[in-house]
Amino acid sequence: MDTKAVKHEKGMTLIVKTVTRLTLGFILLYGVYITMSGHESPGGGFAGGVIVALSFVNIMLAFGKEVALKRLRANLLRIAIGAGALVFLYTVIYGFSGDMPFRIFSNYTIIPFCEMIIVGAGLFAIFLALVLLSKADKDSE
């Protein structure tokens, strides 16, 4: 391994990066689980979205902002928020039609999942904006 490449590599230590790689999938899966089990236990779309956003914040802290920006671009965040909002709106409008099985299905799965996408993408976008605008990050470059 080249020592110059290791010195200029951004982010945290190799241990933190390895642990982040190993736990990222579990954190995302836990966020989806908290979202889907919100009707039976504490949790729901907002709590699941916060956990999903924290998994991407974990990537940014461990590997640096360039790696996080490569994995999740701003256009992807906008598309995720827009798609989640449109599906949420469609579900609510269709739910007023009185089709009972669809209403039960949407209350327990579709609406919390859309809420998770909107909250997760929104919180990560806010964190990303704060990192890009921070003075400490500009001074380190």
Foldseek 3Di string as FASTA:
>chain_A
DDPVCVVPFDFDDPVLVVVLVVCLVVLLVVLLVQQLCVVPDPHHQQNSLVSNLVSLVSVCRGRNDVVSCVVAPPVNLVVQLVVLVVQLVVLVVVVVVPPPVSVVVCVRHNNRNSSSSNNNSVVNVVVSVCCVPDPVNVVVD
